[in-house]
Amino acid sequence: MNRHNNNSNKNMTRESFRRKRKPFYKRKPFIISLILIIILIIGLLIFWKSTSSKDNTHTTQPSHKIEKVKPKKETKKKVTKKKHVKKAKKQKAADEITAKQQENDNKPKNDQQKKTTNQIKNAGTYTDLTYDTDWYTFEISNDVKLVKDSNGDAALLVKYNYTNKTQSNEIPQRVQNTAIMLKQDNQQLTATTASGEYSTIVNSSNNGLVQPNKSFDGALLVKVKDTDSEVTMYFKNIQTNDWLDTTQPLKLK
């Protein structure tokens, strides 16, 4: 019996000695306390995250409440309205200017145009070398000839007698250039300058003034490209500004 007891005592002392010799991190109290600390830390982290998310929601909600877009939209609308008003005013001013210009353009500039606003009895007729309207009369001469202009090029000289029926002084060449057109091979002929013996009559037609109810012997001079091809003379309707159906052919040879 005594031997058995002695052996058991020895085993207990060895076991206790082993326990004492174990490192602290292998002991049960340390392990239990470590687990509790980890659980506590995890709990604190979860609590911190929940509180931080709440704080974030509280901070973001006021920002949405503060952000009001309506006042900005209203200011933009006011600005756009002002811009529309300015554009409308500018457009109105431009329209008024255009209307005034058209009104001025439509106003009679001389006695001839004053007659246009009134009833015109004779808007334009041509018979027997006579082109007649309420504003003027051109009697075309048979003296039509090919001459040389100041550059030595071929030109057609047509003499005429002009009568001014208006109440203002008129330049024959300006009236003739508006009322009479000459074409050759469907191309309009342009005026040119004269030289020699024909320069006097052409220059006086281009620069002289004819008083109301007075007549003037003048001439027009146009450059021709072909000295063989026929030239056609056209006359205008002073009421419609269209050309009359009646024309005058001019043979060069």
C-alpha atoms as a PDB file:
ATOM      1  CA  MET A   1       0.000   0.000   0.000  1.00  0.00           C
ATOM      2  CA  ASN A   2       2.687   2.406   0.970  1.00  0.00           C
ATOM      3  CA  ARG A   3       4.485   1.792  -2.330  1.00  0.00           C
ATOM      4  CA  HIS A   4       1.329   2.490  -4.308  1.00  0.00           C
ATOM      5  CA  ASN A   5       0.728   5.741  -2.500  1.00  0.00           C
ATOM      6  CA  ASN A   6       4.267   6.796  -2.974  1.00  0.00           C
ATOM      7  CA  ASN A   7       4.029   6.152  -6.718  1.00  0.00           C
ATOM      8  CA  SER A   8       0.791   8.121  -7.048  1.00  0.00           C
ATOM      9  CA  ASN A   9       2.249  11.028  -5.129  1.00  0.00           C
ATOM     10  CA  LYS A  10       5.227  11.015  -7.373  1.00  0.00           C
ATOM     11  CA  ASN A  11       2.963  11.078 -10.488  1.00  0.00           C
ATOM     12  CA  MET A  12       0.977  14.035  -9.092  1.00  0.00           C
ATOM     13  CA  THR A  13       4.069  15.967  -8.354  1.00  0.00           C
ATOM     14  CA  ARG A  14       5.322  15.333 -11.867  1.00  0.00           C
ATOM     15  CA  GLU A  15       2.001  16.397 -13.369  1.00  0.00           C
ATOM     16  CA  SER A  16       1.906  19.542 -11.317  1.00  0.00           C
ATOM     17  CA  PHE A  17       5.464  20.243 -12.226  1.00  0.00           C
ATOM     18  CA  ARG A  18       4.635  19.834 -15.899  1.00  0.00           C
ATOM     19  CA  ARG A  19       1.743  22.219 -15.528  1.00  0.00           C
ATOM     20  CA  LYS A  20       3.949  24.739 -13.880  1.00  0.00           C
ATOM     21  CA  ARG A  21       6.514  24.363 -16.617  1.00  0.00           C
ATOM     22  CA  LYS A  22       3.896  25.026 -19.432  1.00  0.00           C
ATOM     23  CA  PRO A  23       4.249  28.446 -21.190  1.00  0.00           C
ATOM     24  CA  PHE A  24       1.575  31.041 -20.350  1.00  0.00           C
ATOM     25  CA  TYR A  25      -0.020  31.090 -23.801  1.00  0.00           C
ATOM     26  CA  LYS A  26      -0.810  27.381 -23.516  1.00  0.00           C
ATOM     27  CA  ARG A  27      -2.555  27.750 -20.234  1.00  0.00           C
ATOM     28  CA  LYS A  28      -6.364  27.642 -20.157  1.00  0.00           C
ATOM     29  CA  PRO A  29      -6.901  30.954 -18.325  1.00  0.00           C
ATOM     30  CA  PHE A  30      -4.860  32.818 -20.913  1.00  0.00           C
ATOM     31  CA  ILE A  31      -6.676  31.160 -23.813  1.00  0.00           C
ATOM     32  CA  ILE A  32     -10.085  31.878 -22.264  1.00  0.00           C
ATOM     33  CA  SER A  33      -9.204  35.513 -21.567  1.00  0.00           C
ATOM     34  CA  LEU A  34      -7.820  35.900 -25.120  1.00  0.00           C
ATOM     35  CA  ILE A  35     -11.069  34.568 -26.601  1.00  0.00           C
ATOM     36  CA  LEU A  36     -13.081  36.988 -24.453  1.00  0.00           C
ATOM     37  CA  ILE A  37     -10.894  39.919 -25.531  1.00  0.00           C
ATOM     38  CA  ILE A  38     -11.336  38.981 -29.230  1.00  0.00           C
ATOM     39  CA  ILE A  39     -15.096  38.730 -28.786  1.00  0.00           C
ATOM     40  CA  LEU A  40     -15.106  42.117 -27.057  1.00  0.00           C
ATOM     41  CA  ILE A  41     -13.070  43.682 -29.861  1.00  0.00           C
ATOM     42  CA  ILE A  42     -15.374  42.249 -32.518  1.00  0.00           C
ATOM     43  CA  GLY A  43     -18.380  43.572 -30.647  1.00  0.00           C
ATOM     44  CA  LEU A  44     -16.811  47.033 -30.418  1.00  0.00           C
ATOM     45  CA  LEU A  45     -16.018  47.017 -34.138  1.00  0.00           C
ATOM     46  CA  ILE A  46     -19.605  46.089 -35.003  1.00  0.00           C
ATOM     47  CA  PHE A  47     -20.922  48.792 -32.711  1.00  0.00           C
ATOM     48  CA  TRP A  48     -18.548  51.377 -34.207  1.00  0.00           C
ATOM     49  CA  LYS A  49     -19.562  50.486 -37.747  1.00  0.00           C
ATOM     50  CA  SER A  50     -23.243  50.775 -36.915  1.00  0.00           C
ATOM     51  CA  THR A  51     -22.763  54.154 -35.264  1.00  0.00           C
ATOM     52  CA  SER A  52     -20.580  55.447 -38.145  1.00  0.00           C
ATOM     53  CA  SER A  53     -23.172  54.378 -40.727  1.00  0.00           C
ATOM     54  CA  LYS A  54     -25.850  56.203 -38.777  1.00  0.00           C
ATOM     55  CA  ASP A  55     -23.675  59.286 -38.646  1.00  0.00           C
ATOM     56  CA  ASN A  56     -23.166  59.085 -42.405  1.00  0.00           C
ATOM     57  CA  THR A  57     -26.869  58.852 -43.021  1.00  0.00           C
ATOM     58  CA  HIS A  58     -27.451  61.801 -40.754  1.00  0.00           C
ATOM     59  CA  THR A  59     -24.792  63.845 -42.560  1.00  0.00           C
ATOM     60  CA  THR A  60     -25.982  63.005 -46.064  1.00  0.00           C
ATOM     61  CA  GLN A  61     -29.644  63.683 -45.388  1.00  0.00           C
ATOM     62  CA  PRO A  62     -29.127  67.368 -44.577  1.00  0.00           C
ATOM     63  CA  SER A  63     -27.100  67.796 -47.754  1.00  0.00           C
ATOM     64  CA  HIS A  64     -30.081  66.574 -49.804  1.00  0.00           C
ATOM     65  CA  LYS A  65     -32.355  68.880 -47.894  1.00  0.00           C
ATOM     66  CA  ILE A  66     -30.081  71.865 -48.417  1.00  0.00           C
ATOM     67  CA  GLU A  67     -29.652  71.251 -52.144  1.00  0.00           C
ATOM     68  CA  LYS A  68     -32.512  73.179 -53.670  1.00  0.00           C
ATOM     69  CA  VAL A  69     -32.493  73.510 -57.435  1.00  0.00           C
ATOM     70  CA  LYS A  70     -35.660  75.560 -57.831  1.00  0.00           C
ATOM     71  CA  PRO A  71     -34.093  78.964 -57.106  1.00  0.00           C
ATOM     72  CA  LYS A  72     -31.347  78.263 -59.667  1.00  0.00           C
ATOM     73  CA  LYS A  73     -33.896  77.241 -62.266  1.00  0.00           C
ATOM     74  CA  GLU A  74     -35.890  80.379 -61.612  1.00  0.00           C
ATOM     75  CA  THR A  75     -32.827  82.555 -62.144  1.00  0.00           C
ATOM     76  CA  LYS A  76     -32.078  80.745 -65.386  1.00  0.00           C
ATOM     77  CA  LYS A  77     -35.623  81.309 -66.529  1.00  0.00           C
ATOM     78  CA  LYS A  78     -35.318  84.987 -65.716  1.00  0.00           C
ATOM     79  CA  VAL A  79     -32.080  85.204 -67.670  1.00  0.00           C
ATOM     80  CA  THR A  80     -33.554  83.394 -70.660  1.00  0.00           C
ATOM     81  CA  LYS A  81     -36.627  85.617 -70.502  1.00  0.00           C
ATOM     82  CA  LYS A  82     -34.390  88.679 -70.542  1.00  0.00           C
ATOM     83  CA  LYS A  83     -32.494  87.245 -73.505  1.00  0.00           C
ATOM     84  CA  HIS A  84     -35.751  86.567 -75.357  1.00  0.00           C
ATOM     85  CA  VAL A  85     -36.916  90.094 -74.608  1.00  0.00           C
ATOM     86  CA  LYS A  86     -33.648  91.544 -75.907  1.00  0.00           C
ATOM     87  CA  LYS A  87     -33.814  89.385 -79.031  1.00  0.00           C
ATOM     88  CA  ALA A  88     -37.425  90.384 -79.585  1.00  0.00           C
ATOM     89  CA  LYS A  89     -36.519  94.068 -79.223  1.00  0.00           C
ATOM     90  CA  LYS A  90     -33.588  93.711 -81.632  1.00  0.00           C
ATOM     91  CA  GLN A  91     -35.750  91.840 -84.127  1.00  0.00           C
ATOM     92  CA  LYS A  92     -38.476  94.447 -83.814  1.00  0.00           C
ATOM     93  CA  ALA A  93     -35.969  97.233 -84.386  1.00  0.00           C
ATOM     94  CA  ALA A  94     -34.550  95.394 -87.417  1.00  0.00           C
ATOM     95  CA  ASP A  95     -38.043  94.853 -88.794  1.00  0.00           C
ATOM     96  CA  GLU A  96     -38.836  98.536 -88.339  1.00  0.00           C
ATOM     97  CA  ILE A  97     -35.636  99.513 -90.160  1.00  0.00           C
ATOM     98  CA  THR A  98     -36.425  97.096 -92.989  1.00  0.00           C
ATOM     99  CA  ALA A  99     -39.983  98.399 -93.200  1.00  0.00           C
ATOM    100  CA  LYS A 100     -38.716 101.995 -93.334  1.00  0.00           C
ATOM    101  CA  GLN A 101     -36.218 101.087 -96.036  1.00  0.00           C
ATOM    102  CA  GLN A 102     -38.919  99.385 -98.067  1.00  0.00           C
ATOM    103  CA  GLU A 103     -41.191 102.353 -97.510  1.00  0.00           C
ATOM    104  CA  ASN A 104     -38.445 104.715 -98.673  1.00  0.00           C
ATOM    105  CA  ASP A 105     -37.744 102.491-101.673  1.00  0.00           C
ATOM    106  CA  ASN A 106     -41.412 102.488-102.570  1.00  0.00           C
ATOM    107  CA  LYS A 107     -41.704 106.253-102.228  1.00  0.00           C
ATOM    108  CA  PRO A 108     -41.633 108.120-105.552  1.00  0.00           C
ATOM    109  CA  LYS A 109     -38.179 109.606-106.113  1.00  0.00           C
ATOM    110  CA  ASN A 110     -39.230 111.823-108.968  1.00  0.00           C
ATOM    111  CA  ASP A 111     -42.228 112.847-110.947  1.00  0.00           C
ATOM    112  CA  GLN A 112     -42.031 109.754-113.123  1.00  0.00           C
ATOM    113  CA  GLN A 113     -42.393 107.451-110.135  1.00  0.00           C
ATOM    114  CA  LYS A 114     -45.144 109.638-108.715  1.00  0.00           C
ATOM    115  CA  LYS A 115     -47.057 108.916-111.865  1.00  0.00           C
ATOM    116  CA  THR A 116     -46.578 105.201-111.281  1.00  0.00           C
ATOM    117  CA  THR A 117     -48.514 105.462-108.026  1.00  0.00           C
ATOM    118  CA  ASN A 118     -51.311 107.128-109.931  1.00  0.00           C
ATOM    119  CA  GLN A 119     -53.178 105.723-112.857  1.00  0.00           C
ATOM    120  CA  ILE A 120     -50.958 105.472-115.950  1.00  0.00           C
ATOM    121  CA  LYS A 121     -52.702 105.960-119.238  1.00  0.00           C
ATOM    122  CA  ASN A 122     -49.824 104.958-121.486  1.00  0.00           C
ATOM    123  CA  ALA A 123     -47.421 102.463-119.845  1.00  0.00           C
ATOM    124  CA  GLY A 124     -45.531 101.933-123.092  1.00  0.00           C
ATOM    125  CA  THR A 125     -46.207 101.574-126.799  1.00  0.00           C
ATOM    126  CA  TYR A 126     -43.935 101.207-129.817  1.00  0.00           C
ATOM    127  CA  THR A 127     -45.024 101.862-133.376  1.00  0.00           C
ATOM    128  CA  ASP A 128     -43.254 103.214-136.457  1.00  0.00           C
ATOM    129  CA  LEU A 129     -39.910 103.856-134.691  1.00  0.00           C
ATOM    130  CA  THR A 130     -41.707 105.770-131.897  1.00  0.00           C
ATOM    131  CA  TYR A 131     -41.524 104.556-128.286  1.00  0.00           C
ATOM    132  CA  ASP A 132     -44.060 106.511-126.244  1.00  0.00           C
ATOM    133  CA  THR A 133     -45.108 106.561-122.552  1.00  0.00           C
ATOM    134  CA  ASP A 134     -46.608 109.018-120.061  1.00  0.00           C
ATOM    135  CA  TRP A 135     -43.074 109.928-118.955  1.00  0.00           C
ATOM    136  CA  TYR A 136     -41.152 110.291-122.211  1.00  0.00           C
ATOM    137  CA  THR A 137     -41.086 109.759-125.962  1.00  0.00           C
ATOM    138  CA  PHE A 138     -38.205 108.346-127.997  1.00  0.00           C
ATOM    139  CA  GLU A 139     -38.302 108.752-131.770  1.00  0.00           C
ATOM    140  CA  ILE A 140     -35.713 106.363-133.190  1.00  0.00           C
ATOM    141  CA  SER A 141     -33.837 107.645-136.260  1.00  0.00           C
ATOM    142  CA  ASN A 142     -33.171 105.639-139.375  1.00  0.00           C
ATOM    143  CA  ASP A 143     -29.585 106.795-139.068  1.00  0.00           C
ATOM    144  CA  VAL A 144     -28.185 103.580-137.567  1.00  0.00           C
ATOM    145  CA  LYS A 145     -24.558 102.805-138.376  1.00  0.00           C
ATOM    146  CA  LEU A 146     -21.495 100.859-137.330  1.00  0.00           C
ATOM    147  CA  VAL A 147     -18.664 103.065-136.025  1.00  0.00           C
ATOM    148  CA  LYS A 148     -15.493 102.743-133.963  1.00  0.00           C
ATOM    149  CA  ASP A 149     -15.574 103.539-130.251  1.00  0.00           C
ATOM    150  CA  SER A 150     -12.769 105.238-128.331  1.00  0.00           C
ATOM    151  CA  ASN A 151     -10.891 101.899-128.101  1.00  0.00           C
ATOM    152  CA  GLY A 152     -11.169 101.261-131.830  1.00  0.00           C
ATOM    153  CA  ASP A 153     -13.686  98.441-131.378  1.00  0.00           C
ATOM    154  CA  ALA A 154     -16.844  97.995-133.435  1.00  0.00           C
ATOM    155  CA  ALA A 155     -19.860  99.809-131.991  1.00  0.00           C
ATOM    156  CA  LEU A 156     -23.432 100.538-133.030  1.00  0.00           C
ATOM    157  CA  LEU A 157     -24.587 104.171-133.084  1.00  0.00           C
ATOM    158  CA  VAL A 158     -28.349 104.811-132.851  1.00  0.00           C
ATOM    159  CA  LYS A 159     -29.609 108.386-132.998  1.00  0.00           C
ATOM    160  CA  TYR A 160     -32.907 109.425-131.396  1.00  0.00           C
ATOM    161  CA  ASN A 161     -35.022 112.392-130.352  1.00  0.00           C
ATOM    162  CA  TYR A 162     -35.955 112.393-126.663  1.00  0.00           C
ATOM    163  CA  THR A 163     -38.890 114.363-125.202  1.00  0.00           C
ATOM    164  CA  ASN A 164     -39.106 114.827-121.427  1.00  0.00           C
ATOM    165  CA  LYS A 165     -42.757 114.614-120.255  1.00  0.00           C
ATOM    166  CA  THR A 166     -42.005 114.828-116.527  1.00  0.00           C
ATOM    167  CA  GLN A 167     -41.800 117.899-114.310  1.00  0.00           C
ATOM    168  CA  SER A 168     -38.104 117.469-113.484  1.00  0.00           C
ATOM    169  CA  ASN A 169     -34.839 117.705-115.420  1.00  0.00           C
ATOM    170  CA  GLU A 170     -33.722 114.377-116.856  1.00  0.00           C
ATOM    171  CA  ILE A 171     -30.522 112.997-118.403  1.00  0.00           C
ATOM    172  CA  PRO A 172     -31.382 111.280-121.707  1.00  0.00           C
ATOM    173  CA  GLN A 173     -28.785 108.499-121.357  1.00  0.00           C
ATOM    174  CA  ARG A 174     -30.088 107.473-117.900  1.00  0.00           C
ATOM    175  CA  VAL A 175     -33.672 107.337-119.137  1.00  0.00           C
ATOM    176  CA  GLN A 176     -32.662 105.476-122.305  1.00  0.00           C
ATOM    177  CA  ASN A 177     -30.484 103.008-120.366  1.00  0.00           C
ATOM    178  CA  THR A 178     -33.453 102.137-118.133  1.00  0.00           C
ATOM    179  CA  ALA A 179     -36.162 102.111-120.801  1.00  0.00           C
ATOM    180  CA  ILE A 180     -34.379 100.650-123.854  1.00  0.00           C
ATOM    181  CA  MET A 181     -32.316  97.463-124.153  1.00  0.00           C
ATOM    182  CA  LEU A 182     -30.295  96.205-127.118  1.00  0.00           C
ATOM    183  CA  LYS A 183     -29.397  92.527-127.604  1.00  0.00           C
ATOM    184  CA  GLN A 184     -27.298  90.631-130.103  1.00  0.00           C
ATOM    185  CA  ASP A 185     -27.411  86.818-130.193  1.00  0.00           C
ATOM    186  CA  ASN A 186     -29.459  86.891-126.958  1.00  0.00           C
ATOM    187  CA  GLN A 187     -26.743  88.842-125.144  1.00  0.00           C
ATOM    188  CA  GLN A 188     -27.325  92.357-123.857  1.00  0.00           C
ATOM    189  CA  LEU A 189     -25.025  94.963-125.335  1.00  0.00           C
ATOM    190  CA  THR A 190     -23.228  97.437-123.082  1.00  0.00           C
ATOM    191  CA  ALA A 191     -22.657 101.134-123.615  1.00  0.00           C
ATOM    192  CA  THR A 192     -19.253 102.366-124.735  1.00  0.00           C
ATOM    193  CA  THR A 193     -17.531 105.736-125.207  1.00  0.00           C
ATOM    194  CA  ALA A 194     -17.388 107.539-128.524  1.00  0.00           C
ATOM    195  CA  SER A 195     -14.567 109.279-130.323  1.00  0.00           C
ATOM    196  CA  GLY A 196     -14.196 111.593-133.257  1.00  0.00           C
ATOM    197  CA  GLU A 197     -17.215 113.247-134.813  1.00  0.00           C
ATOM    198  CA  TYR A 198     -19.737 111.257-132.727  1.00  0.00           C
ATOM    199  CA  SER A 199     -18.237 112.065-129.330  1.00  0.00           C
ATOM    200  CA  THR A 200     -20.130 115.364-129.005  1.00  0.00           C
ATOM    201  CA  ILE A 201     -23.639 113.958-129.424  1.00  0.00           C
ATOM    202  CA  VAL A 202     -22.937 110.884-127.296  1.00  0.00           C
ATOM    203  CA  ASN A 203     -21.302 112.858-124.458  1.00  0.00           C
ATOM    204  CA  SER A 204     -24.104 115.424-124.397  1.00  0.00           C
ATOM    205  CA  SER A 205     -26.631 112.575-124.211  1.00  0.00           C
ATOM    206  CA  ASN A 206     -24.708 111.071-121.292  1.00  0.00           C
ATOM    207  CA  ASN A 207     -24.293 114.290-119.316  1.00  0.00           C
ATOM    208  CA  GLY A 208     -26.807 116.902-120.523  1.00  0.00           C
ATOM    209  CA  LEU A 209     -30.051 117.794-118.752  1.00  0.00           C
ATOM    210  CA  VAL A 210     -33.348 118.060-120.576  1.00  0.00           C
ATOM    211  CA  GLN A 211     -35.932 120.356-118.992  1.00  0.00           C
ATOM    212  CA  PRO A 212     -39.627 119.385-118.624  1.00  0.00           C
ATOM    213  CA  ASN A 213     -41.597 119.345-121.848  1.00  0.00           C
ATOM    214  CA  LYS A 214     -38.402 119.858-123.874  1.00  0.00           C
ATOM    215  CA  SER A 215     -36.881 117.674-126.594  1.00  0.00           C
ATOM    216  CA  PHE A 216     -33.294 116.711-127.273  1.00  0.00           C
ATOM    217  CA  ASP A 217     -31.462 115.122-130.210  1.00  0.00           C
ATOM    218  CA  GLY A 218     -29.168 112.473-128.764  1.00  0.00           C
ATOM    219  CA  ALA A 219     -27.578 109.123-129.566  1.00  0.00           C
ATOM    220  CA  LEU A 220     -26.663 105.867-127.840  1.00  0.00           C
ATOM    221  CA  LEU A 221     -23.519 103.888-128.526  1.00  0.00           C
ATOM    222  CA  VAL A 222     -23.139 100.168-127.675  1.00  0.00           C
ATOM    223  CA  LYS A 223     -20.289  97.752-128.352  1.00  0.00           C
ATOM    224  CA  VAL A 224     -21.062  94.857-130.724  1.00  0.00           C
ATOM    225  CA  LYS A 225     -19.240  91.528-130.952  1.00  0.00           C
ATOM    226  CA  ASP A 226     -20.416  90.603-134.431  1.00  0.00           C
ATOM    227  CA  THR A 227     -20.680  93.141-137.226  1.00  0.00           C
ATOM    228  CA  ASP A 228     -22.915  90.858-139.291  1.00  0.00           C
ATOM    229  CA  SER A 229     -25.447  89.629-136.737  1.00  0.00           C
ATOM    230  CA  GLU A 230     -28.719  91.561-136.326  1.00  0.00           C
ATOM    231  CA  VAL A 231     -29.352  93.670-133.190  1.00  0.00           C
ATOM    232  CA  THR A 232     -32.777  93.782-131.520  1.00  0.00           C
ATOM    233  CA  MET A 233     -34.097  96.765-129.546  1.00  0.00           C
ATOM    234  CA  TYR A 234     -36.500  96.182-126.600  1.00  0.00           C
ATOM    235  CA  PHE A 235     -38.747  98.699-124.817  1.00  0.00           C
ATOM    236  CA  LYS A 236     -40.019  98.659-121.224  1.00  0.00           C
ATOM    237  CA  ASN A 237     -43.498  98.872-119.718  1.00  0.00           C
ATOM    238  CA  ILE A 238     -43.121 101.607-117.079  1.00  0.00           C
ATOM    239  CA  GLN A 239     -45.954 100.216-114.975  1.00  0.00           C
ATOM    240  CA  THR A 240     -44.897  96.549-114.757  1.00  0.00           C
ATOM    241  CA  ASN A 241     -41.170  96.948-115.556  1.00  0.00           C
ATOM    242  CA  ASP A 242     -41.574  94.152-118.100  1.00  0.00           C
ATOM    243  CA  TRP A 243     -40.423  94.391-121.693  1.00  0.00           C
ATOM    244  CA  LEU A 244     -42.969  95.032-124.425  1.00  0.00           C
ATOM    245  CA  ASP A 245     -43.786  92.355-126.939  1.00  0.00           C
ATOM    246  CA  THR A 246     -43.024  94.787-129.731  1.00  0.00           C
ATOM    247  CA  THR A 247     -39.338  94.990-130.687  1.00  0.00           C
ATOM    248  CA  GLN A 248     -37.286  96.759-133.315  1.00  0.00           C
ATOM    249  CA  PRO A 249     -34.727  94.774-135.350  1.00  0.00           C
ATOM    250  CA  LEU A 250     -31.640  96.695-136.494  1.00  0.00           C
ATOM    251  CA  LYS A 251     -29.705  95.322-139.441  1.00  0.00           C
ATOM    252  CA  LEU A 252     -26.010  96.140-139.428  1.00  0.00           C
ATOM    253  CA  LYS A 253     -25.544  95.590-143.189  1.00  0.00           C
END
